[in-house]
């Protein structure tokens, strides 16, 4: 595709920095010339291990919520993380396109995501040769993206995708140069949910916990597990009784604490 003339200089500047630490900053300058937005974060998702923070431009006061707190466990319930680990085909996605049916009523949204104060988040999903999915997220704090914004971003997706693939072609080098991670944080999704409530909850109840925390309604959970919505609700009541809690908010807090201890 042809890049519009007023975007050629910022894109050329970004391409010139491929392979250098300044590439992500120049790339975001180009993307903001395409369409204004508030924040950028680029995560590398490899299998089901803890995401790698490749780049972000959050101010200090926001970085704790968007990166530090996120990597302490809530990422396991993030629709972008879950989509990247399926994985979905490379492309441009709104978070609402990937979220389960009760995402905005779920505890990940109400206990974590709402703290970000975002109006909307969209992401370029870019698959690398080593199986890593790089997700370049663009975030707006003031208003959602318009259909025109999405068309403009979709128009520049091929060159952005090509540039990202070139820059992070050898992601192992970037992993080696990244700050060391805390011990024991290479969590896997299955292990986190299988271990949660071990000795207290049954295997089926742990499945109910997983889908509930990810934002699925009782109807959706029932369809996935082949049981009725009423049976799902009975399981939830039993889960609350066994864990001595009374709300999904408490369930979310227990899960995040369990992830932090594992």
C-alpha atoms as a PDB file:
ATOM      1  CA  UNK A   1       0.000   0.000   0.000  1.00  0.00           C
ATOM      2  CA  UNK A   2       1.031   3.606  -0.512  1.00  0.00           C
ATOM      3  CA  UNK A   3       1.563   5.768   2.565  1.00  0.00           C
ATOM      4  CA  UNK A   4       0.170   9.296   2.266  1.00  0.00           C
ATOM      5  CA  UNK A   5       2.807  11.924   1.579  1.00  0.00           C
ATOM      6  CA  UNK A   6       2.485  13.658   4.954  1.00  0.00           C
ATOM      7  CA  UNK A   7       3.226  10.340   6.687  1.00  0.00           C
ATOM      8  CA  UNK A   8       6.273   9.402   4.633  1.00  0.00           C
ATOM      9  CA  UNK A   9       8.802  11.253   6.789  1.00  0.00           C
ATOM     10  CA  UNK A  10       7.702   9.842  10.182  1.00  0.00           C
ATOM     11  CA  UNK A  11       7.467   6.357   8.699  1.00  0.00           C
ATOM     12  CA  UNK A  12      10.905   6.651   7.084  1.00  0.00           C
ATOM     13  CA  UNK A  13      12.284   7.833  10.441  1.00  0.00           C
ATOM     14  CA  UNK A  14      10.858   4.721  12.092  1.00  0.00           C
ATOM     15  CA  UNK A  15      12.234   2.378   9.436  1.00  0.00           C
ATOM     16  CA  UNK A  16      15.680   3.962   9.797  1.00  0.00           C
ATOM     17  CA  UNK A  17      15.690   2.975  13.491  1.00  0.00           C
ATOM     18  CA  UNK A  18      14.807  -0.703  13.014  1.00  0.00           C
ATOM     19  CA  UNK A  19      17.166  -2.732  15.176  1.00  0.00           C
ATOM     20  CA  UNK A  20      17.887   0.194  17.484  1.00  0.00           C
ATOM     21  CA  UNK A  21      16.391   1.039  20.887  1.00  0.00           C
ATOM     22  CA  UNK A  22      14.787   4.185  19.434  1.00  0.00           C
ATOM     23  CA  UNK A  23      12.621   2.250  16.960  1.00  0.00           C
ATOM     24  CA  UNK A  24       9.503   1.940  19.174  1.00  0.00           C
ATOM     25  CA  UNK A  25       9.506   5.671  19.941  1.00  0.00           C
ATOM     26  CA  UNK A  26       9.791   6.568  16.253  1.00  0.00           C
ATOM     27  CA  UNK A  27       7.075   4.045  15.401  1.00  0.00           C
ATOM     28  CA  UNK A  28       4.674   5.638  17.902  1.00  0.00           C
ATOM     29  CA  UNK A  29       5.464   9.073  16.438  1.00  0.00           C
ATOM     30  CA  UNK A  30       4.367   7.720  13.066  1.00  0.00           C
ATOM     31  CA  UNK A  31       1.197   6.153  14.489  1.00  0.00           C
ATOM     32  CA  UNK A  32       0.246   9.385  16.235  1.00  0.00           C
ATOM     33  CA  UNK A  33       0.608  11.146  12.895  1.00  0.00           C
ATOM     34  CA  UNK A  34      -1.911   8.666  11.503  1.00  0.00           C
ATOM     35  CA  UNK A  35      -4.294   9.207  14.408  1.00  0.00           C
ATOM     36  CA  UNK A  36      -3.924  10.840  17.850  1.00  0.00           C
ATOM     37  CA  UNK A  37      -4.147   8.648  20.940  1.00  0.00           C
ATOM     38  CA  UNK A  38      -3.032   8.689  24.590  1.00  0.00           C
ATOM     39  CA  UNK A  39      -0.705   5.776  25.387  1.00  0.00           C
ATOM     40  CA  UNK A  40       1.216   2.950  23.762  1.00  0.00           C
ATOM     41  CA  UNK A  41       2.285  -0.382  25.165  1.00  0.00           C
ATOM     42  CA  UNK A  42       3.934  -3.248  23.288  1.00  0.00           C
ATOM     43  CA  UNK A  43       3.892  -6.700  24.868  1.00  0.00           C
ATOM     44  CA  UNK A  44       5.461  -9.888  23.588  1.00  0.00           C
ATOM     45  CA  UNK A  45       3.312 -12.961  24.262  1.00  0.00           C
ATOM     46  CA  UNK A  46       5.101 -16.287  23.883  1.00  0.00           C
ATOM     47  CA  UNK A  47       3.001 -19.350  24.625  1.00  0.00           C
ATOM     48  CA  UNK A  48       1.447 -18.961  28.038  1.00  0.00           C
ATOM     49  CA  UNK A  49       4.383 -17.436  29.882  1.00  0.00           C
ATOM     50  CA  UNK A  50       4.356 -14.057  31.551  1.00  0.00           C
ATOM     51  CA  UNK A  51       4.240 -11.256  28.938  1.00  0.00           C
ATOM     52  CA  UNK A  52       7.398  -9.336  28.106  1.00  0.00           C
ATOM     53  CA  UNK A  53       7.110  -5.533  28.263  1.00  0.00           C
ATOM     54  CA  UNK A  54       8.892  -4.536  25.055  1.00  0.00           C
ATOM     55  CA  UNK A  55       7.975  -0.843  25.171  1.00  0.00           C
ATOM     56  CA  UNK A  56       5.572   1.611  26.750  1.00  0.00           C
ATOM     57  CA  UNK A  57       5.231   5.381  26.962  1.00  0.00           C
ATOM     58  CA  UNK A  58       3.134   5.660  30.130  1.00  0.00           C
ATOM     59  CA  UNK A  59       3.919   8.466  32.556  1.00  0.00           C
ATOM     60  CA  UNK A  60       5.302   7.229  35.876  1.00  0.00           C
ATOM     61  CA  UNK A  61       1.969   7.546  37.655  1.00  0.00           C
ATOM     62  CA  UNK A  62       0.200   5.372  35.067  1.00  0.00           C
ATOM     63  CA  UNK A  63       2.877   2.739  34.503  1.00  0.00           C
ATOM     64  CA  UNK A  64       2.187   0.963  37.794  1.00  0.00           C
ATOM     65  CA  UNK A  65      -1.404   0.232  36.781  1.00  0.00           C
ATOM     66  CA  UNK A  66      -0.776  -0.576  33.123  1.00  0.00           C
ATOM     67  CA  UNK A  67       2.442  -2.594  33.462  1.00  0.00           C
ATOM     68  CA  UNK A  68       3.529  -3.437  37.023  1.00  0.00           C
ATOM     69  CA  UNK A  69       0.100  -4.361  38.403  1.00  0.00           C
ATOM     70  CA  UNK A  70      -0.886  -6.017  35.100  1.00  0.00           C
ATOM     71  CA  UNK A  71       2.129  -8.333  35.156  1.00  0.00           C
ATOM     72  CA  UNK A  72       1.462  -9.312  38.769  1.00  0.00           C
ATOM     73  CA  UNK A  73      -1.431 -11.509  37.641  1.00  0.00           C
ATOM     74  CA  UNK A  74      -4.367  -9.695  35.972  1.00  0.00           C
ATOM     75  CA  UNK A  75      -2.819 -10.349  32.543  1.00  0.00           C
ATOM     76  CA  UNK A  76      -4.099 -13.934  32.868  1.00  0.00           C
ATOM     77  CA  UNK A  77      -7.632 -12.576  32.395  1.00  0.00           C
ATOM     78  CA  UNK A  78      -6.810  -9.973  29.726  1.00  0.00           C
ATOM     79  CA  UNK A  79      -8.703 -10.551  26.432  1.00  0.00           C
ATOM     80  CA  UNK A  80      -5.589  -9.481  24.476  1.00  0.00           C
ATOM     81  CA  UNK A  81      -3.382 -11.993  26.322  1.00  0.00           C
ATOM     82  CA  UNK A  82      -5.954 -14.770  25.917  1.00  0.00           C
ATOM     83  CA  UNK A  83      -6.358 -14.000  22.202  1.00  0.00           C
ATOM     84  CA  UNK A  84      -2.590 -13.884  21.657  1.00  0.00           C
ATOM     85  CA  UNK A  85      -2.148 -17.280  23.274  1.00  0.00           C
ATOM     86  CA  UNK A  86      -4.845 -19.008  21.186  1.00  0.00           C
ATOM     87  CA  UNK A  87      -3.513 -17.441  18.917  1.00  0.00           C
ATOM     88  CA  UNK A  88      -5.801 -15.323  16.732  1.00  0.00           C
ATOM     89  CA  UNK A  89      -4.668 -14.444  13.190  1.00  0.00           C
ATOM     90  CA  UNK A  90      -2.490 -11.363  12.791  1.00  0.00           C
ATOM     91  CA  UNK A  91      -4.608  -8.249  12.443  1.00  0.00           C
ATOM     92  CA  UNK A  92      -6.058  -5.157  14.092  1.00  0.00           C
ATOM     93  CA  UNK A  93      -8.493  -5.836  16.947  1.00  0.00           C
ATOM     94  CA  UNK A  94     -10.576  -3.773  19.341  1.00  0.00           C
ATOM     95  CA  UNK A  95     -10.647  -5.183  22.839  1.00  0.00           C
ATOM     96  CA  UNK A  96     -14.440  -5.368  22.606  1.00  0.00           C
ATOM     97  CA  UNK A  97     -14.051  -7.703  19.591  1.00  0.00           C
ATOM     98  CA  UNK A  98     -12.103 -10.232  21.667  1.00  0.00           C
ATOM     99  CA  UNK A  99     -13.782  -9.887  25.075  1.00  0.00           C
ATOM    100  CA  UNK A 100     -16.300 -12.483  26.358  1.00  0.00           C
ATOM    101  CA  UNK A 101     -19.979 -11.652  26.603  1.00  0.00           C
ATOM    102  CA  UNK A 102     -19.900 -10.373  30.218  1.00  0.00           C
ATOM    103  CA  UNK A 103     -16.488  -8.712  30.104  1.00  0.00           C
ATOM    104  CA  UNK A 104     -17.707  -5.266  31.170  1.00  0.00           C
ATOM    105  CA  UNK A 105     -19.612  -6.754  34.097  1.00  0.00           C
ATOM    106  CA  UNK A 106     -16.799  -9.151  35.023  1.00  0.00           C
ATOM    107  CA  UNK A 107     -14.337  -8.742  37.847  1.00  0.00           C
ATOM    108  CA  UNK A 108     -11.248  -8.271  35.656  1.00  0.00           C
ATOM    109  CA  UNK A 109     -12.921  -5.166  34.258  1.00  0.00           C
ATOM    110  CA  UNK A 110     -14.456  -3.939  37.529  1.00  0.00           C
ATOM    111  CA  UNK A 111     -11.465  -4.636  39.783  1.00  0.00           C
ATOM    112  CA  UNK A 112      -8.550  -3.981  37.437  1.00  0.00           C
ATOM    113  CA  UNK A 113      -9.261  -2.619  33.973  1.00  0.00           C
ATOM    114  CA  UNK A 114     -11.535   0.200  35.097  1.00  0.00           C
ATOM    115  CA  UNK A 115      -8.587   1.655  37.031  1.00  0.00           C
ATOM    116  CA  UNK A 116      -6.849   2.431  33.735  1.00  0.00           C
ATOM    117  CA  UNK A 117      -9.500   5.037  32.913  1.00  0.00           C
ATOM    118  CA  UNK A 118      -9.406   4.125  29.234  1.00  0.00           C
ATOM    119  CA  UNK A 119     -12.182   4.938  26.819  1.00  0.00           C
ATOM    120  CA  UNK A 120     -10.948   2.271  24.393  1.00  0.00           C
ATOM    121  CA  UNK A 121      -7.977   0.085  23.473  1.00  0.00           C
ATOM    122  CA  UNK A 122      -7.089  -1.416  20.108  1.00  0.00           C
ATOM    123  CA  UNK A 123      -4.129  -3.570  19.173  1.00  0.00           C
ATOM    124  CA  UNK A 124      -2.046  -4.669  16.213  1.00  0.00           C
ATOM    125  CA  UNK A 125      -1.494  -8.429  16.613  1.00  0.00           C
ATOM    126  CA  UNK A 126       1.736  -9.303  14.818  1.00  0.00           C
ATOM    127  CA  UNK A 127       2.995 -12.892  14.732  1.00  0.00           C
ATOM    128  CA  UNK A 128       6.745 -13.557  14.662  1.00  0.00           C
ATOM    129  CA  UNK A 129       8.581 -16.536  13.222  1.00  0.00           C
ATOM    130  CA  UNK A 130       9.495 -17.908  16.678  1.00  0.00           C
ATOM    131  CA  UNK A 131       5.841 -18.247  17.713  1.00  0.00           C
ATOM    132  CA  UNK A 132       5.720 -14.993  19.665  1.00  0.00           C
ATOM    133  CA  UNK A 133       2.751 -12.680  19.175  1.00  0.00           C
ATOM    134  CA  UNK A 134       3.674  -9.013  19.510  1.00  0.00           C
ATOM    135  CA  UNK A 135       0.677  -6.873  20.458  1.00  0.00           C
ATOM    136  CA  UNK A 136       1.068  -3.151  19.866  1.00  0.00           C
ATOM    137  CA  UNK A 137      -1.730  -1.537  21.877  1.00  0.00           C
ATOM    138  CA  UNK A 138      -2.969   1.985  21.244  1.00  0.00           C
ATOM    139  CA  UNK A 139      -5.055   3.478  24.041  1.00  0.00           C
ATOM    140  CA  UNK A 140      -7.362   6.453  24.301  1.00  0.00           C
ATOM    141  CA  UNK A 141      -8.304   8.001  27.616  1.00  0.00           C
ATOM    142  CA  UNK A 142     -10.745  10.607  26.282  1.00  0.00           C
ATOM    143  CA  UNK A 143     -12.962   9.008  23.631  1.00  0.00           C
ATOM    144  CA  UNK A 144     -13.362   5.776  21.652  1.00  0.00           C
ATOM    145  CA  UNK A 145     -11.791   5.283  18.247  1.00  0.00           C
ATOM    146  CA  UNK A 146     -14.014   6.163  15.315  1.00  0.00           C
ATOM    147  CA  UNK A 147     -14.653   4.010  12.233  1.00  0.00           C
ATOM    148  CA  UNK A 148     -12.410   6.423  10.310  1.00  0.00           C
ATOM    149  CA  UNK A 149      -9.627   5.947  12.858  1.00  0.00           C
ATOM    150  CA  UNK A 150      -9.855   2.191  12.397  1.00  0.00           C
ATOM    151  CA  UNK A 151      -9.794   2.511   8.608  1.00  0.00           C
ATOM    152  CA  UNK A 152      -6.677   4.672   8.795  1.00  0.00           C
ATOM    153  CA  UNK A 153      -4.932   2.222  11.109  1.00  0.00           C
ATOM    154  CA  UNK A 154      -5.944  -0.734   8.958  1.00  0.00           C
ATOM    155  CA  UNK A 155      -4.483   1.071   5.944  1.00  0.00           C
ATOM    156  CA  UNK A 156      -1.052   1.313   7.583  1.00  0.00           C
ATOM    157  CA  UNK A 157      -1.149  -2.147   9.168  1.00  0.00           C
ATOM    158  CA  UNK A 158       0.937  -3.916   6.481  1.00  0.00           C
ATOM    159  CA  UNK A 159       4.000  -1.613   6.790  1.00  0.00           C
ATOM    160  CA  UNK A 160       3.690  -1.447  10.594  1.00  0.00           C
ATOM    161  CA  UNK A 161       3.508  -5.234  10.717  1.00  0.00           C
ATOM    162  CA  UNK A 162       6.558  -5.595   8.456  1.00  0.00           C
ATOM    163  CA  UNK A 163       8.602  -3.106  10.486  1.00  0.00           C
ATOM    164  CA  UNK A 164       7.740  -4.778  13.811  1.00  0.00           C
ATOM    165  CA  UNK A 165       8.641  -8.207  12.443  1.00  0.00           C
ATOM    166  CA  UNK A 166      12.020  -6.913  11.299  1.00  0.00           C
ATOM    167  CA  UNK A 167      12.800  -5.123  14.551  1.00  0.00           C
ATOM    168  CA  UNK A 168      11.863  -8.024  16.818  1.00  0.00           C
ATOM    169  CA  UNK A 169      12.963 -10.806  14.458  1.00  0.00           C
ATOM    170  CA  UNK A 170      15.337 -12.093  17.133  1.00  0.00           C
ATOM    171  CA  UNK A 171      13.265 -11.566  20.237  1.00  0.00           C
ATOM    172  CA  UNK A 172      15.558 -13.790  22.318  1.00  0.00           C
ATOM    173  CA  UNK A 173      18.145 -11.012  22.156  1.00  0.00           C
ATOM    174  CA  UNK A 174      15.619  -8.563  23.539  1.00  0.00           C
ATOM    175  CA  UNK A 175      14.615 -11.036  26.259  1.00  0.00           C
ATOM    176  CA  UNK A 176      18.229 -11.421  27.279  1.00  0.00           C
ATOM    177  CA  UNK A 177      18.707  -7.653  27.538  1.00  0.00           C
ATOM    178  CA  UNK A 178      15.457  -7.060  29.427  1.00  0.00           C
ATOM    179  CA  UNK A 179      15.459  -6.498  33.217  1.00  0.00           C
ATOM    180  CA  UNK A 180      15.298  -9.808  35.119  1.00  0.00           C
ATOM    181  CA  UNK A 181      11.855 -11.005  36.116  1.00  0.00           C
ATOM    182  CA  UNK A 182      10.871 -11.912  39.645  1.00  0.00           C
ATOM    183  CA  UNK A 183      11.382 -15.605  40.436  1.00  0.00           C
ATOM    184  CA  UNK A 184       8.402 -17.850  39.926  1.00  0.00           C
ATOM    185  CA  UNK A 185       6.500 -15.537  37.569  1.00  0.00           C
ATOM    186  CA  UNK A 186       6.577 -17.787  34.479  1.00  0.00           C
ATOM    187  CA  UNK A 187       2.941 -18.699  35.102  1.00  0.00           C
ATOM    188  CA  UNK A 188       0.880 -20.823  32.805  1.00  0.00           C
ATOM    189  CA  UNK A 189      -2.822 -20.302  32.479  1.00  0.00           C
ATOM    190  CA  UNK A 190      -3.773 -23.918  33.089  1.00  0.00           C
ATOM    191  CA  UNK A 191      -1.548 -24.236  36.147  1.00  0.00           C
ATOM    192  CA  UNK A 192      -2.880 -21.035  37.687  1.00  0.00           C
ATOM    193  CA  UNK A 193      -6.498 -22.157  37.458  1.00  0.00           C
ATOM    194  CA  UNK A 194      -5.813 -25.811  38.245  1.00  0.00           C
ATOM    195  CA  UNK A 195      -3.954 -24.865  41.405  1.00  0.00           C
ATOM    196  CA  UNK A 196      -6.473 -22.274  42.546  1.00  0.00           C
ATOM    197  CA  UNK A 197      -8.586 -23.768  45.300  1.00  0.00           C
ATOM    198  CA  UNK A 198      -6.741 -27.112  45.104  1.00  0.00           C
ATOM    199  CA  UNK A 199      -7.966 -29.415  47.829  1.00  0.00           C
ATOM    200  CA  UNK A 200     -11.117 -27.331  48.247  1.00  0.00           C
ATOM    201  CA  UNK A 201     -12.728 -27.005  44.809  1.00  0.00           C
ATOM    202  CA  UNK A 202     -13.486 -29.802  42.370  1.00  0.00           C
ATOM    203  CA  UNK A 203     -12.057 -29.810  38.837  1.00  0.00           C
ATOM    204  CA  UNK A 204     -15.430 -28.691  37.444  1.00  0.00           C
ATOM    205  CA  UNK A 205     -15.660 -25.886  40.000  1.00  0.00           C
ATOM    206  CA  UNK A 206     -12.210 -24.652  38.986  1.00  0.00           C
ATOM    207  CA  UNK A 207     -13.414 -24.585  35.372  1.00  0.00           C
ATOM    208  CA  UNK A 208     -16.393 -22.487  36.477  1.00  0.00           C
ATOM    209  CA  UNK A 209     -14.022 -20.118  38.313  1.00  0.00           C
ATOM    210  CA  UNK A 210     -11.846 -19.721  35.205  1.00  0.00           C
ATOM    211  CA  UNK A 211     -14.666 -18.844  32.827  1.00  0.00           C
ATOM    212  CA  UNK A 212     -16.397 -16.632  35.391  1.00  0.00           C
ATOM    213  CA  UNK A 213     -13.268 -14.578  36.049  1.00  0.00           C
ATOM    214  CA  UNK A 214     -12.624 -14.203  32.326  1.00  0.00           C
ATOM    215  CA  UNK A 215     -16.027 -12.524  32.012  1.00  0.00           C
ATOM    216  CA  UNK A 216     -18.302 -15.260  30.649  1.00  0.00           C
ATOM    217  CA  UNK A 217     -21.973 -15.289  31.610  1.00  0.00           C
ATOM    218  CA  UNK A 218     -23.661 -18.363  33.102  1.00  0.00           C
ATOM    219  CA  UNK A 219     -25.241 -19.020  29.686  1.00  0.00           C
ATOM    220  CA  UNK A 220     -21.857 -18.854  27.926  1.00  0.00           C
ATOM    221  CA  UNK A 221     -20.144 -21.060  30.536  1.00  0.00           C
ATOM    222  CA  UNK A 222     -22.937 -23.593  30.222  1.00  0.00           C
ATOM    223  CA  UNK A 223     -22.528 -23.722  26.449  1.00  0.00           C
ATOM    224  CA  UNK A 224     -18.775 -24.285  26.714  1.00  0.00           C
ATOM    225  CA  UNK A 225     -19.032 -26.966  29.411  1.00  0.00           C
ATOM    226  CA  UNK A 226     -22.207 -28.618  28.130  1.00  0.00           C
ATOM    227  CA  UNK A 227     -24.292 -27.936  31.236  1.00  0.00           C
ATOM    228  CA  UNK A 228     -27.306 -25.740  31.940  1.00  0.00           C
ATOM    229  CA  UNK A 229     -26.951 -22.112  33.139  1.00  0.00           C
ATOM    230  CA  UNK A 230     -28.805 -23.143  36.288  1.00  0.00           C
ATOM    231  CA  UNK A 231     -26.175 -25.791  37.023  1.00  0.00           C
ATOM    232  CA  UNK A 232     -23.464 -23.164  36.517  1.00  0.00           C
ATOM    233  CA  UNK A 233     -25.146 -20.929  39.112  1.00  0.00           C
ATOM    234  CA  UNK A 234     -25.379 -23.816  41.570  1.00  0.00           C
ATOM    235  CA  UNK A 235     -21.655 -24.467  41.101  1.00  0.00           C
ATOM    236  CA  UNK A 236     -20.953 -20.781  41.749  1.00  0.00           C
ATOM    237  CA  UNK A 237     -22.906 -20.836  44.997  1.00  0.00           C
ATOM    238  CA  UNK A 238     -20.978 -23.922  46.089  1.00  0.00           C
ATOM    239  CA  UNK A 239     -17.675 -22.252  45.163  1.00  0.00           C
ATOM    240  CA  UNK A 240     -18.501 -19.192  47.246  1.00  0.00           C
ATOM    241  CA  UNK A 241     -19.499 -21.362  50.199  1.00  0.00           C
ATOM    242  CA  UNK A 242     -16.323 -23.454  50.029  1.00  0.00           C
ATOM    243  CA  UNK A 243     -14.080 -20.383  49.725  1.00  0.00           C
ATOM    244  CA  UNK A 244     -16.090 -18.488  52.356  1.00  0.00           C
ATOM    245  CA  UNK A 245     -16.748 -15.523  50.110  1.00  0.00           C
ATOM    246  CA  UNK A 246     -19.922 -13.845  48.876  1.00  0.00           C
ATOM    247  CA  UNK A 247     -19.072 -12.047  45.618  1.00  0.00           C
ATOM    248  CA  UNK A 248     -17.159 -12.239  42.358  1.00  0.00           C
ATOM    249  CA  UNK A 249     -15.053  -9.331  43.580  1.00  0.00           C
ATOM    250  CA  UNK A 250     -13.791 -11.437  46.473  1.00  0.00           C
ATOM    251  CA  UNK A 251     -13.213 -14.338  44.081  1.00  0.00           C
ATOM    252  CA  UNK A 252     -11.090 -12.114  41.839  1.00  0.00           C
ATOM    253  CA  UNK A 253      -9.041 -10.873  44.810  1.00  0.00           C
ATOM    254  CA  UNK A 254      -8.436 -14.432  46.039  1.00  0.00           C
ATOM    255  CA  UNK A 255      -7.291 -15.517  42.584  1.00  0.00           C
ATOM    256  CA  UNK A 256      -4.852 -12.633  42.129  1.00  0.00           C
ATOM    257  CA  UNK A 257      -3.383 -13.246  45.589  1.00  0.00           C
ATOM    258  CA  UNK A 258      -2.990 -16.939  44.760  1.00  0.00           C
ATOM    259  CA  UNK A 259      -1.183 -16.078  41.519  1.00  0.00           C
ATOM    260  CA  UNK A 260       1.145 -13.772  43.425  1.00  0.00           C
ATOM    261  CA  UNK A 261       2.057 -16.537  45.876  1.00  0.00           C
ATOM    262  CA  UNK A 262       2.661 -19.219  43.246  1.00  0.00           C
END
